[in-house]
Amino acid sequence: MQINIRRAGRDDVPAVLALLDGATEWLVARGQTDQWGTEPHSTNPRRVEQITSFADDGLWVAEAGGRVVGALAVGDAMPYVPAATEPELYVRLLVTERGSAGHNLGGELLDHARELARAAGVGVLRVDCFAGGDGALVRYYEKQGFTRDVEFAVPRVNGSDWPGQVLVQRL
């Protein structure tokens, strides 16, 4: 699959939200609701605002065949994770179209993040992910060259804490 990665803008927000909605549908169909719940991201005002803010400050999309098939947001670390001890670039969002699974879209977007970090003179790339379930997402990032750093938990209003894992990669 030939992809083009480009800087995204606010007009790409609906496509990124659609990717998130598709990923959530896929998780729900497998009974995995602990990561993102069951509701579409596109109907959550807080999530729409977050993705819009990413578009203003470090959102990239991968396109194939004229459509958005992946998204990457980079910038400062998310407020719920422990602060870095040195300059870094933080992967704030990585999502790909489920129908394109197996084409290394996530890997290509992470390669783009590595290039952005190097261009900025930063030697550390960090990311966090859902650490619950069977741990598959943590293992995915480890296969991408990241190592586990610190675990954390985000309190939820109605339910158990959201388990997270920060992973780090030195460039």
N, C-alpha and C. Protein backbone atom coordinates (compact mmCIF):
# COMPACT_ATOMS: atom_id res chain seq x y z
N MET A 1 0.85 -1.18 0.00
CA MET A 1 0.00 0.00 0.00
C MET A 1 0.89 1.24 0.00
N GLN A 2 0.68 2.11 -0.95
CA GLN A 2 1.43 3.36 -1.06
C GLN A 2 0.71 4.43 -0.24
N ILE A 3 1.42 5.01 0.74
CA ILE A 3 0.80 6.06 1.53
C ILE A 3 1.58 7.36 1.43
N ASN A 4 0.88 8.44 1.67
CA ASN A 4 1.48 9.76 1.75
C ASN A 4 1.14 10.33 3.12
N ILE A 5 2.15 10.77 3.84
CA ILE A 5 1.94 11.38 5.15
C ILE A 5 2.05 12.88 4.98
N ARG A 6 1.03 13.58 5.46
CA ARG A 6 1.02 15.04 5.33
C ARG A 6 0.51 15.68 6.61
N ARG A 7 0.89 16.94 6.77
CA ARG A 7 0.41 17.73 7.91
C ARG A 7 -1.09 17.88 7.76
N ALA A 8 -1.82 17.67 8.84
CA ALA A 8 -3.28 17.76 8.81
C ALA A 8 -3.72 19.11 9.34
N GLY A 9 -4.95 19.45 8.99
CA GLY A 9 -5.56 20.67 9.48
C GLY A 9 -6.94 20.37 10.04
N ARG A 10 -7.63 21.44 10.41
CA ARG A 10 -8.96 21.26 11.01
C ARG A 10 -9.93 20.54 10.07
N ASP A 11 -9.75 20.70 8.77
CA ASP A 11 -10.66 20.02 7.83
C ASP A 11 -10.47 18.50 7.83
N ASP A 12 -9.39 18.02 8.46
CA ASP A 12 -9.15 16.58 8.57
C ASP A 12 -9.72 15.97 9.85
N VAL A 13 -10.20 16.81 10.75
CA VAL A 13 -10.71 16.33 12.03
C VAL A 13 -11.82 15.28 11.85
N PRO A 14 -12.82 15.50 10.98
CA PRO A 14 -13.86 14.46 10.82
C PRO A 14 -13.29 13.11 10.37
N ALA A 15 -12.28 13.12 9.50
CA ALA A 15 -11.69 11.86 9.05
C ALA A 15 -10.95 11.16 10.18
N VAL A 16 -10.27 11.92 11.03
CA VAL A 16 -9.56 11.33 12.16
C VAL A 16 -10.57 10.77 13.17
N LEU A 17 -11.62 11.51 13.43
CA LEU A 17 -12.67 11.01 14.33
C LEU A 17 -13.30 9.74 13.77
N ALA A 18 -13.46 9.66 12.45
CA ALA A 18 -14.01 8.45 11.83
C ALA A 18 -13.07 7.27 12.04
N LEU A 19 -11.75 7.50 11.98
CA LEU A 19 -10.80 6.43 12.27
C LEU A 19 -10.96 5.94 13.71
N LEU A 20 -11.10 6.88 14.63
CA LEU A 20 -11.28 6.52 16.04
C LEU A 20 -12.60 5.77 16.25
N ASP A 21 -13.66 6.25 15.59
CA ASP A 21 -14.95 5.55 15.68
C ASP A 21 -14.84 4.12 15.15
N GLY A 22 -14.14 3.96 14.04
CA GLY A 22 -13.96 2.62 13.46
C GLY A 22 -13.17 1.71 14.38
N ALA A 23 -12.13 2.25 15.02
CA ALA A 23 -11.33 1.46 15.95
C ALA A 23 -12.18 1.04 17.15
N THR A 24 -13.01 1.97 17.63
CA THR A 24 -13.88 1.65 18.77
C THR A 24 -14.88 0.56 18.39
N GLU A 25 -15.48 0.68 17.21
CA GLU A 25 -16.43 -0.35 16.74
C GLU A 25 -15.74 -1.71 16.70
N TRP A 26 -14.52 -1.74 16.20
CA TRP A 26 -13.76 -2.98 16.10
C TRP A 26 -13.52 -3.57 17.48
N LEU A 27 -13.12 -2.72 18.45
CA LEU A 27 -12.89 -3.18 19.82
C LEU A 27 -14.18 -3.71 20.45
N VAL A 28 -15.27 -2.96 20.27
CA VAL A 28 -16.56 -3.35 20.85
C VAL A 28 -17.01 -4.69 20.27
N ALA A 29 -16.83 -4.89 18.96
CA ALA A 29 -17.23 -6.15 18.32
C ALA A 29 -16.48 -7.34 18.91
N ARG A 30 -15.32 -7.08 19.50
CA ARG A 30 -14.52 -8.14 20.12
C ARG A 30 -14.70 -8.20 21.63
N GLY A 31 -15.66 -7.41 22.13
CA GLY A 31 -15.92 -7.40 23.56
C GLY A 31 -14.88 -6.65 24.38
N GLN A 32 -14.07 -5.85 23.72
CA GLN A 32 -13.00 -5.10 24.39
C GLN A 32 -13.44 -3.65 24.57
N THR A 33 -14.19 -3.39 25.62
CA THR A 33 -14.74 -2.05 25.82
C THR A 33 -13.98 -1.25 26.87
N ASP A 34 -13.01 -1.84 27.53
CA ASP A 34 -12.27 -1.13 28.59
C ASP A 34 -11.37 -0.02 28.06
N GLN A 35 -10.89 -0.15 26.83
CA GLN A 35 -9.95 0.84 26.31
C GLN A 35 -10.63 2.18 26.01
N TRP A 36 -11.65 2.16 25.17
CA TRP A 36 -12.28 3.40 24.72
C TRP A 36 -13.78 3.42 24.94
N GLY A 37 -14.31 2.47 25.66
CA GLY A 37 -15.75 2.45 25.89
C GLY A 37 -16.50 1.97 24.66
N THR A 38 -17.76 2.40 24.54
CA THR A 38 -18.62 1.93 23.46
C THR A 38 -19.17 3.06 22.59
N GLU A 39 -19.02 4.28 23.03
CA GLU A 39 -19.60 5.43 22.31
C GLU A 39 -18.64 5.97 21.25
N PRO A 40 -19.18 6.46 20.14
CA PRO A 40 -18.32 7.05 19.10
C PRO A 40 -17.59 8.29 19.61
N HIS A 41 -16.36 8.43 19.20
CA HIS A 41 -15.56 9.61 19.54
C HIS A 41 -16.16 10.86 18.91
N SER A 42 -16.74 10.69 17.74
CA SER A 42 -17.27 11.83 16.97
C SER A 42 -18.46 12.49 17.65
N THR A 43 -19.07 11.84 18.63
CA THR A 43 -20.21 12.42 19.34
C THR A 43 -19.82 12.91 20.74
N ASN A 44 -18.54 12.81 21.08
CA ASN A 44 -18.05 13.23 22.38
C ASN A 44 -17.41 14.61 22.25
N PRO A 45 -18.05 15.67 22.77
CA PRO A 45 -17.50 17.02 22.60
C PRO A 45 -16.07 17.17 23.09
N ARG A 46 -15.72 16.51 24.19
CA ARG A 46 -14.35 16.60 24.71
C ARG A 46 -13.35 16.00 23.72
N ARG A 47 -13.72 14.87 23.12
CA ARG A 47 -12.81 14.22 22.16
C ARG A 47 -12.70 15.04 20.87
N VAL A 48 -13.83 15.60 20.42
CA VAL A 48 -13.79 16.45 19.21
C VAL A 48 -12.88 17.65 19.46
N GLU A 49 -13.01 18.25 20.64
CA GLU A 49 -12.16 19.40 20.99
C GLU A 49 -10.69 18.99 21.03
N GLN A 50 -10.41 17.81 21.59
CA GLN A 50 -9.03 17.34 21.68
C GLN A 50 -8.42 17.14 20.29
N ILE A 51 -9.14 16.47 19.41
CA ILE A 51 -8.61 16.21 18.06
C ILE A 51 -8.45 17.53 17.30
N THR A 52 -9.37 18.45 17.49
CA THR A 52 -9.26 19.77 16.86
C THR A 52 -8.01 20.48 17.37
N SER A 53 -7.74 20.40 18.67
CA SER A 53 -6.53 21.03 19.20
C SER A 53 -5.28 20.36 18.64
N PHE A 54 -5.32 19.05 18.45
CA PHE A 54 -4.19 18.37 17.82
C PHE A 54 -3.96 18.91 16.41
N ALA A 55 -5.04 19.17 15.69
CA ALA A 55 -4.93 19.68 14.31
C ALA A 55 -4.25 21.05 14.30
N ASP A 56 -4.39 21.79 15.37
CA ASP A 56 -3.75 23.10 15.46
C ASP A 56 -2.29 22.99 15.91
N ASP A 57 -1.88 21.79 16.35
CA ASP A 57 -0.58 21.70 17.01
C ASP A 57 0.09 20.34 16.83
N GLY A 58 0.23 19.84 15.62
CA GLY A 58 1.01 18.62 15.43
C GLY A 58 0.26 17.38 15.02
N LEU A 59 -0.73 17.50 14.15
CA LEU A 59 -1.48 16.34 13.65
C LEU A 59 -1.04 16.04 12.22
N TRP A 60 -0.83 14.78 11.97
CA TRP A 60 -0.43 14.28 10.65
C TRP A 60 -1.39 13.19 10.24
N VAL A 61 -1.65 13.07 8.94
CA VAL A 61 -2.49 11.98 8.45
C VAL A 61 -1.76 11.22 7.37
N ALA A 62 -2.08 9.93 7.30
CA ALA A 62 -1.59 9.07 6.22
C ALA A 62 -2.74 8.89 5.26
N GLU A 63 -2.47 9.11 3.98
CA GLU A 63 -3.49 8.94 2.94
C GLU A 63 -3.07 7.82 1.99
N ALA A 64 -4.04 7.09 1.52
CA ALA A 64 -3.85 6.07 0.50
C ALA A 64 -5.08 6.10 -0.39
N GLY A 65 -4.85 6.16 -1.67
CA GLY A 65 -5.97 6.18 -2.60
C GLY A 65 -6.91 7.35 -2.39
N GLY A 66 -6.38 8.47 -1.92
CA GLY A 66 -7.19 9.67 -1.75
C GLY A 66 -8.01 9.72 -0.47
N ARG A 67 -7.79 8.77 0.44
CA ARG A 67 -8.55 8.80 1.69
C ARG A 67 -7.60 8.66 2.88
N VAL A 68 -8.04 9.18 4.01
CA VAL A 68 -7.25 9.13 5.24
C VAL A 68 -7.36 7.72 5.83
N VAL A 69 -6.20 7.09 6.03
CA VAL A 69 -6.16 5.72 6.56
C VAL A 69 -5.41 5.63 7.89
N GLY A 70 -4.85 6.75 8.34
CA GLY A 70 -4.13 6.75 9.61
C GLY A 70 -3.91 8.16 10.09
N ALA A 71 -3.66 8.30 11.39
CA ALA A 71 -3.39 9.63 11.96
C ALA A 71 -2.38 9.50 13.09
N LEU A 72 -1.58 10.55 13.22
CA LEU A 72 -0.55 10.65 14.23
C LEU A 72 -0.58 12.07 14.78
N ALA A 73 -0.63 12.20 16.09
CA ALA A 73 -0.49 13.51 16.72
C ALA A 73 0.73 13.46 17.63
N VAL A 74 1.58 14.49 17.51
CA VAL A 74 2.77 14.58 18.34
C VAL A 74 2.83 15.95 19.00
N GLY A 75 3.53 16.02 20.11
CA GLY A 75 3.67 17.28 20.82
C GLY A 75 4.14 17.03 22.22
N ASP A 76 3.58 17.83 23.15
CA ASP A 76 3.92 17.67 24.57
C ASP A 76 3.21 16.44 25.12
N ALA A 77 3.76 15.91 26.21
CA ALA A 77 3.16 14.75 26.86
C ALA A 77 1.75 15.08 27.34
N MET A 78 0.94 14.07 27.38
CA MET A 78 -0.42 14.21 27.88
C MET A 78 -0.35 14.53 29.38
N PRO A 79 -1.32 15.30 29.88
CA PRO A 79 -1.24 15.74 31.28
C PRO A 79 -1.37 14.63 32.31
N TYR A 80 -1.86 13.48 31.93
CA TYR A 80 -2.07 12.39 32.90
C TYR A 80 -0.85 11.47 33.05
N VAL A 81 0.23 11.73 32.33
CA VAL A 81 1.41 10.88 32.46
C VAL A 81 2.53 11.63 33.19
N PRO A 82 3.42 10.89 33.83
CA PRO A 82 4.56 11.53 34.49
C PRO A 82 5.40 12.32 33.49
N ALA A 83 5.89 13.47 33.93
CA ALA A 83 6.69 14.33 33.05
C ALA A 83 8.00 13.66 32.67
N ALA A 84 8.49 14.01 31.51
CA ALA A 84 9.78 13.50 31.04
C ALA A 84 10.90 14.17 31.82
N THR A 85 12.02 13.51 31.89
CA THR A 85 13.18 14.07 32.59
C THR A 85 14.18 14.70 31.63
N GLU A 86 13.85 14.69 30.34
CA GLU A 86 14.70 15.30 29.31
C GLU A 86 13.81 15.68 28.13
N PRO A 87 14.33 16.51 27.22
CA PRO A 87 13.51 16.91 26.06
C PRO A 87 13.03 15.68 25.28
N GLU A 88 11.79 15.76 24.84
CA GLU A 88 11.19 14.63 24.14
C GLU A 88 10.19 15.12 23.09
N LEU A 89 9.78 14.18 22.26
CA LEU A 89 8.59 14.34 21.44
C LEU A 89 7.65 13.24 21.89
N TYR A 90 6.38 13.59 22.08
CA TYR A 90 5.41 12.65 22.62
C TYR A 90 4.39 12.30 21.56
N VAL A 91 4.14 11.01 21.38
CA VAL A 91 3.09 10.54 20.47
C VAL A 91 1.79 10.64 21.26
N ARG A 92 0.94 11.59 20.87
CA ARG A 92 -0.30 11.85 21.59
C ARG A 92 -1.46 11.01 21.04
N LEU A 93 -1.33 10.58 19.79
CA LEU A 93 -2.38 9.78 19.15
C LEU A 93 -1.77 9.00 18.01
N LEU A 94 -2.13 7.74 17.91
CA LEU A 94 -1.79 6.91 16.77
C LEU A 94 -2.99 6.02 16.51
N VAL A 95 -3.57 6.16 15.33
CA VAL A 95 -4.73 5.35 14.98
C VAL A 95 -4.68 5.06 13.48
N THR A 96 -5.05 3.84 13.12
CA THR A 96 -5.08 3.48 11.71
C THR A 96 -6.42 2.81 11.39
N GLU A 97 -6.74 2.83 10.13
CA GLU A 97 -7.98 2.21 9.65
C GLU A 97 -7.87 0.70 9.80
N ARG A 98 -8.85 0.10 10.41
CA ARG A 98 -8.82 -1.35 10.64
C ARG A 98 -8.76 -2.13 9.33
N GLY A 99 -9.39 -1.62 8.29
CA GLY A 99 -9.38 -2.31 7.01
C GLY A 99 -8.01 -2.35 6.35
N SER A 100 -7.09 -1.55 6.85
CA SER A 100 -5.73 -1.52 6.31
C SER A 100 -4.73 -2.23 7.21
N ALA A 101 -5.24 -2.99 8.16
CA ALA A 101 -4.35 -3.74 9.07
C ALA A 101 -3.43 -4.64 8.27
N GLY A 102 -2.20 -4.77 8.75
CA GLY A 102 -1.23 -5.62 8.08
C GLY A 102 -0.37 -4.90 7.06
N HIS A 103 -0.59 -3.59 6.89
CA HIS A 103 0.20 -2.81 5.92
C HIS A 103 1.23 -1.91 6.59
N ASN A 104 1.46 -2.10 7.88
CA ASN A 104 2.46 -1.34 8.64
C ASN A 104 2.20 0.16 8.66
N LEU A 105 0.94 0.57 8.59
CA LEU A 105 0.64 2.00 8.64
C LEU A 105 1.10 2.63 9.95
N GLY A 106 0.84 1.94 11.06
CA GLY A 106 1.28 2.45 12.35
C GLY A 106 2.79 2.59 12.40
N GLY A 107 3.49 1.61 11.87
CA GLY A 107 4.96 1.67 11.82
C GLY A 107 5.46 2.84 11.00
N GLU A 108 4.82 3.08 9.87
CA GLU A 108 5.23 4.21 9.02
C GLU A 108 4.95 5.54 9.71
N LEU A 109 3.82 5.63 10.41
CA LEU A 109 3.53 6.87 11.14
C LEU A 109 4.51 7.05 12.30
N LEU A 110 4.88 5.97 12.97
CA LEU A 110 5.89 6.08 14.03
C LEU A 110 7.26 6.45 13.46
N ASP A 111 7.59 5.95 12.28
CA ASP A 111 8.83 6.37 11.61
C ASP A 111 8.80 7.88 11.35
N HIS A 112 7.64 8.39 10.97
CA HIS A 112 7.49 9.83 10.74
C HIS A 112 7.72 10.59 12.05
N ALA A 113 7.18 10.08 13.15
CA ALA A 113 7.39 10.71 14.46
C ALA A 113 8.88 10.71 14.81
N ARG A 114 9.57 9.63 14.51
CA ARG A 114 11.01 9.57 14.78
C ARG A 114 11.76 10.63 13.96
N GLU A 115 11.38 10.77 12.71
CA GLU A 115 12.00 11.79 11.85
C GLU A 115 11.74 13.19 12.40
N LEU A 116 10.51 13.45 12.85
CA LEU A 116 10.18 14.76 13.43
C LEU A 116 11.01 15.02 14.68
N ALA A 117 11.17 14.00 15.51
CA ALA A 117 11.96 14.16 16.74
C ALA A 117 13.42 14.47 16.40
N ARG A 118 13.97 13.71 15.48
CA ARG A 118 15.37 13.95 15.09
C ARG A 118 15.55 15.34 14.51
N ALA A 119 14.61 15.76 13.66
CA ALA A 119 14.69 17.10 13.05
C ALA A 119 14.62 18.20 14.10
N ALA A 120 13.95 17.92 15.21
CA ALA A 120 13.84 18.90 16.29
C ALA A 120 15.02 18.79 17.27
N GLY A 121 15.92 17.86 17.01
CA GLY A 121 17.07 17.67 17.88
C GLY A 121 16.74 16.99 19.20
N VAL A 122 15.67 16.21 19.19
CA VAL A 122 15.21 15.52 20.39
C VAL A 122 15.64 14.06 20.31
N GLY A 123 16.14 13.53 21.43
CA GLY A 123 16.63 12.16 21.42
C GLY A 123 15.72 11.13 22.04
N VAL A 124 14.51 11.55 22.45
CA VAL A 124 13.59 10.63 23.11
C VAL A 124 12.19 10.78 22.50
N LEU A 125 11.60 9.65 22.18
CA LEU A 125 10.21 9.59 21.73
C LEU A 125 9.47 8.77 22.77
N ARG A 126 8.36 9.33 23.29
CA ARG A 126 7.54 8.58 24.26
C ARG A 126 6.13 8.46 23.72
N VAL A 127 5.43 7.46 24.24
CA VAL A 127 4.04 7.20 23.89
C VAL A 127 3.39 6.53 25.10
N ASP A 128 2.09 6.69 25.24
CA ASP A 128 1.39 5.89 26.24
C ASP A 128 0.28 5.13 25.55
N CYS A 129 -0.15 4.06 26.19
CA CYS A 129 -1.22 3.27 25.62
C CYS A 129 -1.97 2.54 26.72
N PHE A 130 -3.10 1.98 26.34
CA PHE A 130 -3.92 1.16 27.22
C PHE A 130 -3.12 -0.09 27.59
N ALA A 131 -3.01 -0.33 28.89
CA ALA A 131 -2.22 -1.46 29.37
C ALA A 131 -3.08 -2.61 29.85
N GLY A 132 -4.39 -2.50 29.68
CA GLY A 132 -5.29 -3.55 30.14
C GLY A 132 -5.47 -4.64 29.10
N GLY A 133 -6.53 -5.39 29.30
CA GLY A 133 -6.83 -6.49 28.38
C GLY A 133 -5.72 -7.52 28.40
N ASP A 134 -5.35 -7.98 27.23
CA ASP A 134 -4.30 -9.00 27.14
C ASP A 134 -2.91 -8.39 26.93
N GLY A 135 -2.81 -7.06 26.97
CA GLY A 135 -1.51 -6.39 26.82
C GLY A 135 -1.03 -6.28 25.39
N ALA A 136 -1.90 -6.55 24.42
CA ALA A 136 -1.48 -6.56 23.02
C ALA A 136 -0.96 -5.20 22.56
N LEU A 137 -1.56 -4.12 23.03
CA LEU A 137 -1.13 -2.80 22.58
C LEU A 137 0.27 -2.48 23.11
N VAL A 138 0.55 -2.83 24.34
CA VAL A 138 1.90 -2.64 24.89
C VAL A 138 2.90 -3.44 24.06
N ARG A 139 2.57 -4.68 23.75
CA ARG A 139 3.47 -5.52 22.95
C ARG A 139 3.66 -4.94 21.54
N TYR A 140 2.62 -4.33 20.97
CA TYR A 140 2.76 -3.70 19.65
C TYR A 140 3.86 -2.64 19.70
N TYR A 141 3.80 -1.77 20.70
CA TYR A 141 4.81 -0.72 20.79
C TYR A 141 6.20 -1.29 21.07
N GLU A 142 6.28 -2.34 21.83
CA GLU A 142 7.58 -2.99 22.05
C GLU A 142 8.14 -3.52 20.74
N LYS A 143 7.29 -4.08 19.89
CA LYS A 143 7.74 -4.56 18.58
C LYS A 143 8.19 -3.41 17.69
N GLN A 144 7.69 -2.21 17.99
CA GLN A 144 8.08 -1.02 17.24
C GLN A 144 9.36 -0.37 17.80
N GLY A 145 9.97 -1.01 18.79
CA GLY A 145 11.24 -0.54 19.31
C GLY A 145 11.16 0.26 20.61
N PHE A 146 9.99 0.35 21.21
CA PHE A 146 9.82 1.06 22.47
C PHE A 146 10.06 0.09 23.63
N THR A 147 10.44 0.65 24.77
CA THR A 147 10.58 -0.15 25.99
C THR A 147 9.65 0.43 27.06
N ARG A 148 9.18 -0.45 27.93
CA ARG A 148 8.27 -0.02 29.00
C ARG A 148 9.01 0.93 29.94
N ASP A 149 8.29 1.98 30.33
CA ASP A 149 8.84 2.92 31.29
C ASP A 149 8.01 2.84 32.56
N VAL A 150 6.98 3.63 32.67
CA VAL A 150 6.21 3.70 33.91
C VAL A 150 4.75 3.36 33.64
N GLU A 151 4.13 2.67 34.59
CA GLU A 151 2.70 2.42 34.52
C GLU A 151 1.97 3.56 35.23
N PHE A 152 0.74 3.80 34.84
CA PHE A 152 -0.06 4.83 35.49
C PHE A 152 -1.52 4.42 35.39
N ALA A 153 -2.39 5.15 36.09
CA ALA A 153 -3.82 4.89 36.03
C ALA A 153 -4.55 6.22 35.97
N VAL A 154 -5.56 6.28 35.11
CA VAL A 154 -6.40 7.47 35.00
C VAL A 154 -7.73 7.14 35.66
N PRO A 155 -8.11 7.89 36.69
CA PRO A 155 -9.40 7.63 37.35
C PRO A 155 -10.56 7.87 36.38
N ARG A 156 -11.56 7.01 36.48
CA ARG A 156 -12.78 7.18 35.70
C ARG A 156 -13.92 7.52 36.65
N VAL A 157 -14.86 8.31 36.16
CA VAL A 157 -16.00 8.72 36.98
C VAL A 157 -16.84 7.52 37.39
N ASN A 158 -17.18 6.69 36.43
CA ASN A 158 -18.03 5.53 36.70
C ASN A 158 -17.29 4.25 36.32
N GLY A 159 -16.51 3.75 37.22
CA GLY A 159 -15.83 2.50 36.90
C GLY A 159 -14.41 2.47 37.43
N SER A 160 -13.73 1.41 37.08
CA SER A 160 -12.36 1.23 37.54
C SER A 160 -11.42 2.17 36.79
N ASP A 161 -10.24 2.38 37.35
CA ASP A 161 -9.24 3.23 36.71
C ASP A 161 -8.85 2.67 35.34
N TRP A 162 -8.46 3.56 34.43
CA TRP A 162 -7.97 3.19 33.11
C TRP A 162 -6.47 2.91 33.25
N PRO A 163 -6.03 1.65 33.02
CA PRO A 163 -4.61 1.33 33.17
C PRO A 163 -3.80 1.75 31.95
N GLY A 164 -2.72 2.45 32.21
CA GLY A 164 -1.88 2.92 31.12
C GLY A 164 -0.42 2.53 31.30
N GLN A 165 0.28 2.55 30.18
CA GLN A 165 1.71 2.24 30.16
C GLN A 165 2.41 3.29 29.32
N VAL A 166 3.42 3.93 29.88
CA VAL A 166 4.28 4.83 29.10
C VAL A 166 5.42 3.99 28.56
N LEU A 167 5.72 4.19 27.29
CA LEU A 167 6.84 3.51 26.65
C LEU A 167 7.79 4.56 26.08
N VAL A 168 9.04 4.24 26.01
CA VAL A 168 10.06 5.19 25.57
C VAL A 168 10.96 4.57 24.52
N GLN A 169 11.43 5.41 23.63
CA GLN A 169 12.41 4.96 22.62
C GLN A 169 13.48 6.04 22.49
N ARG A 170 14.71 5.62 22.65
CA ARG A 170 15.84 6.55 22.47
C ARG A 170 16.21 6.53 20.99
N LEU A 171 16.42 7.71 20.46
CA LEU A 171 16.72 7.83 19.02
C LEU A 171 18.20 8.05 18.78
